[in-house]
Amino acid sequence: MKTKLASLLLAGAFSLSAFQAMAADKVTLQLKWVTQAQFAGYYVAKDKGFYEAEGLDVEIKPGGPDIAPPQVIAGGGADVVVDWMPSALATREKGVPLVNIAQPFKSSGMMLTCLKESGVASPADFKGKTLGVWFFGNEYPFLSWMSQLGLKTDGGPDGVTVLKQGFNVDPLIQKQAACISTMTYNEYGQVLDAGIKPEDLVVFKYQDQGVATLEDGLYVLEDKLKEPAFKEKMVKFVRASMKGWKYAEANPDEAAGIVLENDSTGAQTEEHQKFMMSEVAKLTAGSNGALDEADYKRTVDSLLKGGSDPVITKEPEGAFTHEITDAALK
């Protein structure tokens, strides 16, 4: 009798767990880049059960050099993507109607990092120099900045030569470029790890230059927001994700460890992920997930100031909504 009762209880437990698994709403998140502390909040939310508590089953898909989040979501490969606003707005203007539903990153981590010996002491010194630039949507803030400086990017004597930079710091180390694109939380650390001292570098933060654009927002397709069930799912997702981000800010070393556990490639190191998390926490600080309209306007203004070749040609309409965060933050 006891054995039968135990079997029934066990079967009931399995049925309950199966029901819960079936009942959980699936959400697929496409990251902008590989598994690293740049995305710690999402991995923490999953690890700590914040998504599960909201009844969500979240799949986190890493990105890479050949993965463009807007293409993934347009093709039905994700429900929500992490992207930079310049890329999202340019994509929207080209016909893929991305909408920002939340903005975990308050500040920009993008910089140009230059060798002091190259003679670059201020943006005025960029003229005639070779500058390393990332593409795949990351070039938009750079192109906007150069346009505002009045510098062409076609390699002529009155402009700059653009070196299409891989996702590494080799062009600076090998002195192929006077400056390269770096993030405060990633490539700048790699430059230092390569043995170049901070005093031998000149750094221009986009945030300090007044040309910062919003990075690492959460975007969905506009049509999906017409579906009440999808909207409710996104409210839960954003609420749990922001819990993950605030936990990561408060517990950076633990968050870095959670990221490492999720790195199936084994490419990341504990030291670098701890450095990255400490720097990323500075960028998410001050954000509760809701998009600040002043930050949005600054981004749009910067992208429109492109002279004859702006990143976007007109003021976007419907490119963000507060509806999701208003409900999530109640």
C-alpha atoms as a PDB file:
ATOM      1  CA  MET A   1       0.000   0.000   0.000  1.00  0.00           C
ATOM      2  CA  LYS A   2       2.837   2.361   0.946  1.00  0.00           C
ATOM      3  CA  THR A   3       4.588   1.590  -2.320  1.00  0.00           C
ATOM      4  CA  LYS A   4       1.402   2.289  -4.269  1.00  0.00           C
ATOM      5  CA  LEU A   5       0.862   5.565  -2.397  1.00  0.00           C
ATOM      6  CA  ALA A   6       4.482   6.603  -3.000  1.00  0.00           C
ATOM      7  CA  SER A   7       4.054   5.807  -6.685  1.00  0.00           C
ATOM      8  CA  LEU A   8       0.882   7.876  -6.855  1.00  0.00           C
ATOM      9  CA  LEU A   9       2.563  10.789  -5.102  1.00  0.00           C
ATOM     10  CA  LEU A  10       5.564  10.528  -7.401  1.00  0.00           C
ATOM     11  CA  ALA A  11       3.320  10.388 -10.460  1.00  0.00           C
ATOM     12  CA  GLY A  12       1.448  13.418  -9.144  1.00  0.00           C
ATOM     13  CA  ALA A  13       4.688  15.319  -8.678  1.00  0.00           C
ATOM     14  CA  PHE A  14       5.775  14.468 -12.214  1.00  0.00           C
ATOM     15  CA  SER A  15       2.370  15.498 -13.544  1.00  0.00           C
ATOM     16  CA  LEU A  16       2.565  18.816 -11.678  1.00  0.00           C
ATOM     17  CA  SER A  17       6.077  19.574 -12.933  1.00  0.00           C
ATOM     18  CA  ALA A  18       5.054  18.582 -16.459  1.00  0.00           C
ATOM     19  CA  PHE A  19       1.975  20.811 -16.206  1.00  0.00           C
ATOM     20  CA  GLN A  20       4.086  23.720 -14.933  1.00  0.00           C
ATOM     21  CA  ALA A  21       6.559  23.236 -17.768  1.00  0.00           C
ATOM     22  CA  MET A  22       3.694  23.145 -20.268  1.00  0.00           C
ATOM     23  CA  ALA A  23       2.038  26.167 -18.669  1.00  0.00           C
ATOM     24  CA  ALA A  24       5.183  28.304 -18.750  1.00  0.00           C
ATOM     25  CA  ASP A  25       5.142  30.894 -21.511  1.00  0.00           C
ATOM     26  CA  LYS A  26       8.129  30.514 -23.809  1.00  0.00           C
ATOM     27  CA  VAL A  27      10.212  33.598 -24.581  1.00  0.00           C
ATOM     28  CA  THR A  28      13.238  33.593 -26.881  1.00  0.00           C
ATOM     29  CA  LEU A  29      15.750  36.392 -26.308  1.00  0.00           C
ATOM     30  CA  GLN A  30      18.410  37.066 -28.954  1.00  0.00           C
ATOM     31  CA  LEU A  31      21.524  38.754 -27.559  1.00  0.00           C
ATOM     32  CA  LYS A  32      23.593  41.248 -29.506  1.00  0.00           C
ATOM     33  CA  TRP A  33      26.862  39.424 -28.839  1.00  0.00           C
ATOM     34  CA  VAL A  34      28.368  36.311 -27.258  1.00  0.00           C
ATOM     35  CA  THR A  35      27.706  35.139 -23.713  1.00  0.00           C
ATOM     36  CA  GLN A  36      29.397  37.684 -21.439  1.00  0.00           C
ATOM     37  CA  ALA A  37      28.656  40.003 -18.514  1.00  0.00           C
ATOM     38  CA  GLN A  38      27.265  42.616 -20.921  1.00  0.00           C
ATOM     39  CA  PHE A  39      24.103  40.479 -20.663  1.00  0.00           C
ATOM     40  CA  ALA A  40      24.451  39.385 -17.036  1.00  0.00           C
ATOM     41  CA  GLY A  41      21.000  40.590 -15.992  1.00  0.00           C
ATOM     42  CA  TYR A  42      19.264  38.050 -18.222  1.00  0.00           C
ATOM     43  CA  TYR A  43      21.430  35.130 -17.140  1.00  0.00           C
ATOM     44  CA  VAL A  44      20.975  36.120 -13.480  1.00  0.00           C
ATOM     45  CA  ALA A  45      17.189  36.373 -13.912  1.00  0.00           C
ATOM     46  CA  LYS A  46      17.160  32.859 -15.316  1.00  0.00           C
ATOM     47  CA  ASP A  47      19.581  31.414 -12.754  1.00  0.00           C
ATOM     48  CA  LYS A  48      17.793  32.973  -9.767  1.00  0.00           C
ATOM     49  CA  GLY A  49      14.361  31.818 -10.902  1.00  0.00           C
ATOM     50  CA  PHE A  50      13.010  35.334 -11.569  1.00  0.00           C
ATOM     51  CA  TYR A  51      11.659  34.269 -14.975  1.00  0.00           C
ATOM     52  CA  GLU A  52      10.244  31.036 -13.594  1.00  0.00           C
ATOM     53  CA  ALA A  53       8.449  32.988 -10.841  1.00  0.00           C
ATOM     54  CA  GLU A  54       6.716  34.969 -13.597  1.00  0.00           C
ATOM     55  CA  GLY A  55       5.653  31.767 -15.352  1.00  0.00           C
ATOM     56  CA  LEU A  56       8.192  32.178 -18.146  1.00  0.00           C
ATOM     57  CA  ASP A  57      10.457  29.679 -19.865  1.00  0.00           C
ATOM     58  CA  VAL A  58      13.190  31.902 -21.323  1.00  0.00           C
ATOM     59  CA  GLU A  59      15.701  30.758 -23.919  1.00  0.00           C
ATOM     60  CA  ILE A  60      18.729  33.064 -24.192  1.00  0.00           C
ATOM     61  CA  LYS A  61      20.410  32.842 -27.597  1.00  0.00           C
ATOM     62  CA  PRO A  62      23.978  34.189 -27.766  1.00  0.00           C
ATOM     63  CA  GLY A  63      24.954  36.414 -30.673  1.00  0.00           C
ATOM     64  CA  GLY A  64      28.170  36.564 -32.649  1.00  0.00           C
ATOM     65  CA  PRO A  65      29.958  38.317 -35.507  1.00  0.00           C
ATOM     66  CA  ASP A  66      27.570  36.950 -38.131  1.00  0.00           C
ATOM     67  CA  ILE A  67      24.345  37.395 -36.158  1.00  0.00           C
ATOM     68  CA  ALA A  68      22.292  40.576 -36.594  1.00  0.00           C
ATOM     69  CA  PRO A  69      19.457  40.665 -34.007  1.00  0.00           C
ATOM     70  CA  PRO A  70      17.076  42.646 -36.283  1.00  0.00           C
ATOM     71  CA  GLN A  71      17.404  39.949 -38.950  1.00  0.00           C
ATOM     72  CA  VAL A  72      16.801  37.215 -36.380  1.00  0.00           C
ATOM     73  CA  ILE A  73      13.585  38.767 -35.053  1.00  0.00           C
ATOM     74  CA  ALA A  74      12.363  39.682 -38.546  1.00  0.00           C
ATOM     75  CA  GLY A  75      12.801  36.029 -39.507  1.00  0.00           C
ATOM     76  CA  GLY A  76      10.826  34.785 -36.493  1.00  0.00           C
ATOM     77  CA  GLY A  77      13.874  33.495 -34.627  1.00  0.00           C
ATOM     78  CA  ALA A  78      13.260  35.518 -31.455  1.00  0.00           C
ATOM     79  CA  ASP A  79      10.467  37.249 -29.525  1.00  0.00           C
ATOM     80  CA  VAL A  80      12.684  40.013 -28.210  1.00  0.00           C
ATOM     81  CA  VAL A  81      16.213  41.177 -29.044  1.00  0.00           C
ATOM     82  CA  VAL A  82      18.963  43.217 -27.431  1.00  0.00           C
ATOM     83  CA  ASP A  83      20.143  45.929 -29.818  1.00  0.00           C
ATOM     84  CA  TRP A  84      21.634  49.401 -29.883  1.00  0.00           C
ATOM     85  CA  MET A  85      19.155  52.152 -30.693  1.00  0.00           C
ATOM     86  CA  PRO A  86      21.038  53.498 -33.762  1.00  0.00           C
ATOM     87  CA  SER A  87      20.841  50.049 -35.344  1.00  0.00           C
ATOM     88  CA  ALA A  88      17.195  49.601 -34.304  1.00  0.00           C
ATOM     89  CA  LEU A  89      16.107  53.003 -35.656  1.00  0.00           C
ATOM     90  CA  ALA A  90      18.006  52.523 -38.923  1.00  0.00           C
ATOM     91  CA  THR A  91      16.410  49.078 -39.243  1.00  0.00           C
ATOM     92  CA  ARG A  92      12.983  50.544 -38.516  1.00  0.00           C
ATOM     93  CA  GLU A  93      13.408  53.142 -41.254  1.00  0.00           C
ATOM     94  CA  LYS A  94      14.339  50.345 -43.656  1.00  0.00           C
ATOM     95  CA  GLY A  95      11.042  48.571 -42.992  1.00  0.00           C
ATOM     96  CA  VAL A  96      11.543  46.251 -40.000  1.00  0.00           C
ATOM     97  CA  PRO A  97       9.318  47.922 -37.358  1.00  0.00           C
ATOM     98  CA  LEU A  98      11.335  47.442 -34.168  1.00  0.00           C
ATOM     99  CA  VAL A  99       9.962  49.048 -31.002  1.00  0.00           C
ATOM    100  CA  ASN A 100      11.943  49.709 -27.814  1.00  0.00           C
ATOM    101  CA  ILE A 101       9.996  48.280 -24.859  1.00  0.00           C
ATOM    102  CA  ALA A 102      12.676  48.765 -22.168  1.00  0.00           C
ATOM    103  CA  GLN A 103      16.097  50.347 -21.709  1.00  0.00           C
ATOM    104  CA  PRO A 104      18.231  48.607 -19.055  1.00  0.00           C
ATOM    105  CA  PHE A 105      21.394  50.525 -20.097  1.00  0.00           C
ATOM    106  CA  LYS A 106      21.257  54.179 -19.031  1.00  0.00           C
ATOM    107  CA  SER A 107      24.731  55.226 -20.228  1.00  0.00           C
ATOM    108  CA  SER A 108      26.905  54.464 -23.242  1.00  0.00           C
ATOM    109  CA  GLY A 109      30.073  52.412 -22.889  1.00  0.00           C
ATOM    110  CA  MET A 110      31.386  53.184 -26.371  1.00  0.00           C
ATOM    111  CA  MET A 111      34.768  54.867 -26.843  1.00  0.00           C
ATOM    112  CA  LEU A 112      37.503  55.521 -29.354  1.00  0.00           C
ATOM    113  CA  THR A 113      40.788  54.454 -27.790  1.00  0.00           C
ATOM    114  CA  CYS A 114      43.899  55.986 -29.378  1.00  0.00           C
ATOM    115  CA  LEU A 115      47.638  55.546 -29.033  1.00  0.00           C
ATOM    116  CA  LYS A 116      49.093  58.767 -27.671  1.00  0.00           C
ATOM    117  CA  GLU A 117      52.096  58.370 -29.979  1.00  0.00           C
ATOM    118  CA  SER A 118      49.768  58.655 -33.000  1.00  0.00           C
ATOM    119  CA  GLY A 119      49.413  62.371 -32.287  1.00  0.00           C
ATOM    120  CA  VAL A 120      45.712  62.304 -31.453  1.00  0.00           C
ATOM    121  CA  ALA A 121      45.047  64.576 -28.484  1.00  0.00           C
ATOM    122  CA  SER A 122      41.557  65.825 -29.395  1.00  0.00           C
ATOM    123  CA  PRO A 123      38.848  65.018 -31.965  1.00  0.00           C
ATOM    124  CA  ALA A 124      40.360  67.731 -34.202  1.00  0.00           C
ATOM    125  CA  ASP A 125      43.365  65.413 -34.623  1.00  0.00           C
ATOM    126  CA  PHE A 126      41.298  62.612 -36.206  1.00  0.00           C
ATOM    127  CA  LYS A 127      41.715  64.249 -39.627  1.00  0.00           C
ATOM    128  CA  GLY A 128      43.981  62.178 -41.861  1.00  0.00           C
ATOM    129  CA  LYS A 129      44.071  59.271 -39.393  1.00  0.00           C
ATOM    130  CA  THR A 130      42.973  55.659 -39.696  1.00  0.00           C
ATOM    131  CA  LEU A 131      40.228  54.747 -37.223  1.00  0.00           C
ATOM    132  CA  GLY A 132      39.014  51.257 -36.448  1.00  0.00           C
ATOM    133  CA  VAL A 133      35.236  50.883 -36.606  1.00  0.00           C
ATOM    134  CA  TRP A 134      32.885  47.973 -35.953  1.00  0.00           C
ATOM    135  CA  PHE A 135      30.126  47.331 -38.454  1.00  0.00           C
ATOM    136  CA  PHE A 136      26.985  45.145 -38.274  1.00  0.00           C
ATOM    137  CA  GLY A 137      25.012  48.142 -36.954  1.00  0.00           C
ATOM    138  CA  ASN A 138      27.710  49.347 -34.552  1.00  0.00           C
ATOM    139  CA  GLU A 139      29.058  51.854 -37.085  1.00  0.00           C
ATOM    140  CA  TYR A 140      26.088  54.223 -36.829  1.00  0.00           C
ATOM    141  CA  PRO A 141      27.161  56.182 -33.714  1.00  0.00           C
ATOM    142  CA  PHE A 142      30.660  56.592 -35.218  1.00  0.00           C
ATOM    143  CA  LEU A 143      29.374  57.804 -38.595  1.00  0.00           C
ATOM    144  CA  SER A 144      27.066  60.259 -36.862  1.00  0.00           C
ATOM    145  CA  TRP A 145      29.943  61.640 -34.763  1.00  0.00           C
ATOM    146  CA  MET A 146      32.269  62.043 -37.751  1.00  0.00           C
ATOM    147  CA  SER A 147      29.522  63.836 -39.656  1.00  0.00           C
ATOM    148  CA  GLN A 148      29.062  66.280 -36.770  1.00  0.00           C
ATOM    149  CA  LEU A 149      32.841  66.882 -36.792  1.00  0.00           C
ATOM    150  CA  GLY A 150      32.652  67.594 -40.527  1.00  0.00           C
ATOM    151  CA  LEU A 151      34.936  64.668 -41.342  1.00  0.00           C
ATOM    152  CA  LYS A 152      34.272  62.502 -44.367  1.00  0.00           C
ATOM    153  CA  THR A 153      34.810  58.769 -43.930  1.00  0.00           C
ATOM    154  CA  ASP A 154      35.941  57.972 -47.473  1.00  0.00           C
ATOM    155  CA  GLY A 155      39.675  58.027 -46.784  1.00  0.00           C
ATOM    156  CA  GLY A 156      40.309  61.405 -48.374  1.00  0.00           C
ATOM    157  CA  PRO A 157      42.900  63.872 -46.990  1.00  0.00           C
ATOM    158  CA  ASP A 158      40.186  66.006 -45.347  1.00  0.00           C
ATOM    159  CA  GLY A 159      38.572  63.105 -43.583  1.00  0.00           C
ATOM    160  CA  VAL A 160      39.398  59.818 -41.914  1.00  0.00           C
ATOM    161  CA  THR A 161      40.194  56.362 -43.233  1.00  0.00           C
ATOM    162  CA  VAL A 162      37.840  53.768 -41.782  1.00  0.00           C
ATOM    163  CA  LEU A 163      39.374  50.394 -40.991  1.00  0.00           C
ATOM    164  CA  LYS A 164      36.655  47.766 -40.755  1.00  0.00           C
ATOM    165  CA  GLN A 165      37.581  46.449 -37.331  1.00  0.00           C
ATOM    166  CA  GLY A 166      37.103  42.868 -36.264  1.00  0.00           C
ATOM    167  CA  PHE A 167      35.866  42.252 -32.746  1.00  0.00           C
ATOM    168  CA  ASN A 168      39.369  42.467 -31.318  1.00  0.00           C
ATOM    169  CA  VAL A 169      42.012  45.103 -30.538  1.00  0.00           C
ATOM    170  CA  ASP A 170      44.692  43.927 -33.009  1.00  0.00           C
ATOM    171  CA  PRO A 171      44.683  47.085 -35.195  1.00  0.00           C
ATOM    172  CA  LEU A 172      45.824  49.178 -32.222  1.00  0.00           C
ATOM    173  CA  ILE A 173      48.352  46.652 -30.959  1.00  0.00           C
ATOM    174  CA  GLN A 174      49.810  46.272 -34.468  1.00  0.00           C
ATOM    175  CA  LYS A 175      49.592  50.050 -35.083  1.00  0.00           C
ATOM    176  CA  GLN A 176      47.404  49.646 -38.148  1.00  0.00           C
ATOM    177  CA  ALA A 177      45.108  52.362 -36.777  1.00  0.00           C
ATOM    178  CA  ALA A 178      45.609  55.445 -34.637  1.00  0.00           C
ATOM    179  CA  CYS A 179      42.387  54.705 -32.760  1.00  0.00           C
ATOM    180  CA  ILE A 180      40.023  51.763 -32.464  1.00  0.00           C
ATOM    181  CA  SER A 181      36.495  51.245 -31.201  1.00  0.00           C
ATOM    182  CA  THR A 182      36.335  49.887 -27.665  1.00  0.00           C
ATOM    183  CA  MET A 183      33.738  49.400 -24.970  1.00  0.00           C
ATOM    184  CA  THR A 184      34.553  50.508 -21.432  1.00  0.00           C
ATOM    185  CA  TYR A 185      33.657  47.036 -20.192  1.00  0.00           C
ATOM    186  CA  ASN A 186      35.407  44.891 -22.793  1.00  0.00           C
ATOM    187  CA  GLU A 187      37.970  45.873 -25.415  1.00  0.00           C
ATOM    188  CA  TYR A 188      39.545  48.645 -23.320  1.00  0.00           C
ATOM    189  CA  GLY A 189      40.464  45.961 -20.791  1.00  0.00           C
ATOM    190  CA  GLN A 190      41.890  43.846 -23.613  1.00  0.00           C
ATOM    191  CA  VAL A 191      44.134  46.754 -24.670  1.00  0.00           C
ATOM    192  CA  LEU A 192      45.467  47.003 -21.110  1.00  0.00           C
ATOM    193  CA  ASP A 193      45.867  43.215 -20.950  1.00  0.00           C
ATOM    194  CA  ALA A 194      48.035  43.456 -24.084  1.00  0.00           C
ATOM    195  CA  GLY A 195      50.531  45.487 -22.064  1.00  0.00           C
ATOM    196  CA  ILE A 196      49.688  49.033 -23.146  1.00  0.00           C
ATOM    197  CA  LYS A 197      49.608  51.371 -20.169  1.00  0.00           C
ATOM    198  CA  PRO A 198      46.680  53.777 -19.597  1.00  0.00           C
ATOM    199  CA  GLU A 199      49.096  56.735 -19.737  1.00  0.00           C
ATOM    200  CA  ASP A 200      50.040  55.732 -23.288  1.00  0.00           C
ATOM    201  CA  LEU A 201      46.412  55.990 -24.406  1.00  0.00           C
ATOM    202  CA  VAL A 202      43.969  58.791 -25.154  1.00  0.00           C
ATOM    203  CA  VAL A 203      40.321  57.858 -24.705  1.00  0.00           C
ATOM    204  CA  PHE A 204      37.255  59.598 -26.136  1.00  0.00           C
ATOM    205  CA  LYS A 205      34.019  58.432 -24.544  1.00  0.00           C
ATOM    206  CA  TYR A 206      30.967  59.036 -26.718  1.00  0.00           C
ATOM    207  CA  GLN A 207      29.126  59.935 -23.491  1.00  0.00           C
ATOM    208  CA  ASP A 208      31.618  62.758 -22.755  1.00  0.00           C
ATOM    209  CA  GLN A 209      31.642  63.989 -26.367  1.00  0.00           C
ATOM    210  CA  GLY A 210      27.899  64.627 -26.360  1.00  0.00           C
ATOM    211  CA  VAL A 211      27.294  62.064 -29.104  1.00  0.00           C
ATOM    212  CA  ALA A 212      26.291  59.108 -26.942  1.00  0.00           C
ATOM    213  CA  THR A 213      23.462  56.985 -28.277  1.00  0.00           C
ATOM    214  CA  LEU A 214      21.476  54.407 -26.355  1.00  0.00           C
ATOM    215  CA  GLU A 215      22.846  50.872 -26.215  1.00  0.00           C
ATOM    216  CA  ASP A 216      21.474  47.479 -25.214  1.00  0.00           C
ATOM    217  CA  GLY A 217      17.747  48.159 -25.237  1.00  0.00           C
ATOM    218  CA  LEU A 218      15.050  45.512 -25.566  1.00  0.00           C
ATOM    219  CA  TYR A 219      13.165  45.513 -28.875  1.00  0.00           C
ATOM    220  CA  VAL A 220      10.159  43.652 -30.270  1.00  0.00           C
ATOM    221  CA  LEU A 221       8.237  43.818 -33.539  1.00  0.00           C
ATOM    222  CA  GLU A 222       5.478  46.429 -33.559  1.00  0.00           C
ATOM    223  CA  ASP A 223       2.740  44.076 -34.769  1.00  0.00           C
ATOM    224  CA  LYS A 224       3.298  41.734 -31.823  1.00  0.00           C
ATOM    225  CA  LEU A 225       2.357  44.531 -29.408  1.00  0.00           C
ATOM    226  CA  LYS A 226      -1.201  44.343 -30.760  1.00  0.00           C
ATOM    227  CA  GLU A 227      -1.531  40.916 -29.124  1.00  0.00           C
ATOM    228  CA  PRO A 228      -2.633  41.172 -25.449  1.00  0.00           C
ATOM    229  CA  ALA A 229      -1.048  37.801 -24.562  1.00  0.00           C
ATOM    230  CA  PHE A 230       2.313  38.846 -26.028  1.00  0.00           C
ATOM    231  CA  LYS A 231       2.206  42.193 -24.225  1.00  0.00           C
ATOM    232  CA  GLU A 232       1.520  40.465 -20.914  1.00  0.00           C
ATOM    233  CA  LYS A 233       4.410  38.094 -21.577  1.00  0.00           C
ATOM    234  CA  MET A 234       6.737  41.051 -22.223  1.00  0.00           C
ATOM    235  CA  VAL A 235       5.597  42.789 -19.021  1.00  0.00           C
ATOM    236  CA  LYS A 236       6.621  39.686 -17.064  1.00  0.00           C
ATOM    237  CA  PHE A 237       9.855  39.362 -19.020  1.00  0.00           C
ATOM    238  CA  VAL A 238      10.904  42.984 -18.440  1.00  0.00           C
ATOM    239  CA  ARG A 239       9.972  42.856 -14.752  1.00  0.00           C
ATOM    240  CA  ALA A 240      12.037  39.709 -14.169  1.00  0.00           C
ATOM    241  CA  SER A 241      14.920  40.964 -16.339  1.00  0.00           C
ATOM    242  CA  MET A 242      15.215  44.195 -14.354  1.00  0.00           C
ATOM    243  CA  LYS A 243      15.262  42.172 -11.127  1.00  0.00           C
ATOM    244  CA  GLY A 244      18.138  40.273 -12.685  1.00  0.00           C
ATOM    245  CA  TRP A 245      19.955  43.490 -13.590  1.00  0.00           C
ATOM    246  CA  LYS A 246      19.596  45.045 -10.164  1.00  0.00           C
ATOM    247  CA  TYR A 247      20.772  41.793  -8.541  1.00  0.00           C
ATOM    248  CA  ALA A 248      23.785  41.761 -10.880  1.00  0.00           C
ATOM    249  CA  GLU A 249      24.620  45.381  -9.993  1.00  0.00           C
ATOM    250  CA  ALA A 250      24.520  44.559  -6.269  1.00  0.00           C
ATOM    251  CA  ASN A 251      26.390  41.240  -6.619  1.00  0.00           C
ATOM    252  CA  PRO A 252      28.841  41.722  -9.509  1.00  0.00           C
ATOM    253  CA  ASP A 253      31.191  38.839  -8.724  1.00  0.00           C
ATOM    254  CA  GLU A 254      28.328  36.360  -8.314  1.00  0.00           C
ATOM    255  CA  ALA A 255      26.782  37.650 -11.551  1.00  0.00           C
ATOM    256  CA  ALA A 256      30.092  37.154 -13.374  1.00  0.00           C
ATOM    257  CA  GLY A 257      30.164  33.584 -12.070  1.00  0.00           C
ATOM    258  CA  ILE A 258      26.646  32.927 -13.376  1.00  0.00           C
ATOM    259  CA  VAL A 259      27.689  34.232 -16.809  1.00  0.00           C
ATOM    260  CA  LEU A 260      30.709  31.904 -16.822  1.00  0.00           C
ATOM    261  CA  GLU A 261      28.467  28.936 -16.013  1.00  0.00           C
ATOM    262  CA  ASN A 262      26.436  29.768 -19.118  1.00  0.00           C
ATOM    263  CA  ASP A 263      29.422  30.181 -21.438  1.00  0.00           C
ATOM    264  CA  SER A 264      29.371  26.899 -23.339  1.00  0.00           C
ATOM    265  CA  THR A 265      32.395  27.957 -25.416  1.00  0.00           C
ATOM    266  CA  GLY A 266      34.714  28.219 -22.406  1.00  0.00           C
ATOM    267  CA  ALA A 267      36.210  31.316 -24.027  1.00  0.00           C
ATOM    268  CA  GLN A 268      35.595  33.705 -21.124  1.00  0.00           C
ATOM    269  CA  THR A 269      37.840  34.075 -18.090  1.00  0.00           C
ATOM    270  CA  GLU A 270      36.769  34.816 -14.541  1.00  0.00           C
ATOM    271  CA  GLU A 271      39.061  37.844 -14.293  1.00  0.00           C
ATOM    272  CA  HIS A 272      37.745  39.460 -17.476  1.00  0.00           C
ATOM    273  CA  GLN A 273      34.092  38.760 -16.642  1.00  0.00           C
ATOM    274  CA  LYS A 274      34.483  40.319 -13.187  1.00  0.00           C
ATOM    275  CA  PHE A 275      36.084  43.390 -14.806  1.00  0.00           C
ATOM    276  CA  MET A 276      33.282  43.522 -17.374  1.00  0.00           C
ATOM    277  CA  MET A 277      30.519  43.198 -14.791  1.00  0.00           C
ATOM    278  CA  SER A 278      31.982  45.974 -12.630  1.00  0.00           C
ATOM    279  CA  GLU A 279      32.014  48.287 -15.683  1.00  0.00           C
ATOM    280  CA  VAL A 280      28.596  47.227 -17.008  1.00  0.00           C
ATOM    281  CA  ALA A 281      27.090  47.970 -13.576  1.00  0.00           C
ATOM    282  CA  LYS A 282      28.083  51.628 -14.109  1.00  0.00           C
ATOM    283  CA  LEU A 283      26.037  51.692 -17.338  1.00  0.00           C
ATOM    284  CA  THR A 284      22.882  50.080 -15.946  1.00  0.00           C
ATOM    285  CA  ALA A 285      23.027  52.191 -12.767  1.00  0.00           C
ATOM    286  CA  GLY A 286      20.213  54.718 -12.671  1.00  0.00           C
ATOM    287  CA  SER A 287      17.901  52.726 -14.956  1.00  0.00           C
ATOM    288  CA  ASN A 288      14.767  51.018 -13.713  1.00  0.00           C
ATOM    289  CA  GLY A 289      14.169  49.721 -17.223  1.00  0.00           C
ATOM    290  CA  ALA A 290      11.992  52.594 -18.448  1.00  0.00           C
ATOM    291  CA  LEU A 291      13.304  54.535 -21.450  1.00  0.00           C
ATOM    292  CA  ASP A 292      14.200  58.130 -20.560  1.00  0.00           C
ATOM    293  CA  GLU A 293      12.699  60.319 -23.289  1.00  0.00           C
ATOM    294  CA  ALA A 294      15.547  62.850 -22.973  1.00  0.00           C
ATOM    295  CA  ASP A 295      18.047  60.053 -23.706  1.00  0.00           C
ATOM    296  CA  TYR A 296      15.903  58.948 -26.641  1.00  0.00           C
ATOM    297  CA  LYS A 297      15.754  62.492 -28.026  1.00  0.00           C
ATOM    298  CA  ARG A 298      19.524  62.908 -27.697  1.00  0.00           C
ATOM    299  CA  THR A 299      20.029  59.675 -29.615  1.00  0.00           C
ATOM    300  CA  VAL A 300      17.621  60.668 -32.387  1.00  0.00           C
ATOM    301  CA  ASP A 301      19.091  64.179 -32.663  1.00  0.00           C
ATOM    302  CA  SER A 302      22.595  62.748 -32.942  1.00  0.00           C
ATOM    303  CA  LEU A 303      21.556  60.307 -35.674  1.00  0.00           C
ATOM    304  CA  LEU A 304      19.724  62.976 -37.679  1.00  0.00           C
ATOM    305  CA  LYS A 305      22.771  65.275 -37.677  1.00  0.00           C
ATOM    306  CA  GLY A 306      24.384  63.342 -40.466  1.00  0.00           C
ATOM    307  CA  GLY A 307      24.609  66.080 -43.088  1.00  0.00           C
ATOM    308  CA  SER A 308      24.180  64.497 -46.510  1.00  0.00           C
ATOM    309  CA  ASP A 309      24.445  60.983 -45.072  1.00  0.00           C
ATOM    310  CA  PRO A 310      22.468  60.752 -41.828  1.00  0.00           C
ATOM    311  CA  VAL A 311      21.864  57.424 -40.106  1.00  0.00           C
ATOM    312  CA  ILE A 312      18.127  58.133 -40.196  1.00  0.00           C
ATOM    313  CA  THR A 313      16.501  60.645 -42.510  1.00  0.00           C
ATOM    314  CA  LYS A 314      13.421  61.608 -40.503  1.00  0.00           C
ATOM    315  CA  GLU A 315      12.097  61.735 -36.955  1.00  0.00           C
ATOM    316  CA  PRO A 316      10.925  58.206 -36.063  1.00  0.00           C
ATOM    317  CA  GLU A 317       7.317  57.635 -35.043  1.00  0.00           C
ATOM    318  CA  GLY A 318       6.229  54.854 -32.713  1.00  0.00           C
ATOM    319  CA  ALA A 319       9.806  53.661 -32.164  1.00  0.00           C
ATOM    320  CA  PHE A 320       9.341  53.163 -28.418  1.00  0.00           C
ATOM    321  CA  THR A 321       6.591  52.491 -25.917  1.00  0.00           C
ATOM    322  CA  HIS A 322       6.354  52.956 -22.143  1.00  0.00           C
ATOM    323  CA  GLU A 323       3.357  50.631 -21.994  1.00  0.00           C
ATOM    324  CA  ILE A 324       5.389  47.562 -21.032  1.00  0.00           C
ATOM    325  CA  THR A 325       7.578  49.215 -18.375  1.00  0.00           C
ATOM    326  CA  ASP A 326       4.621  51.158 -16.941  1.00  0.00           C
ATOM    327  CA  ALA A 327       2.914  47.827 -16.246  1.00  0.00           C
ATOM    328  CA  ALA A 328       6.102  46.011 -15.210  1.00  0.00           C
ATOM    329  CA  LEU A 329       7.162  48.650 -12.686  1.00  0.00           C
ATOM    330  CA  LYS A 330       3.812  48.996 -10.900  1.00  0.00           C
END
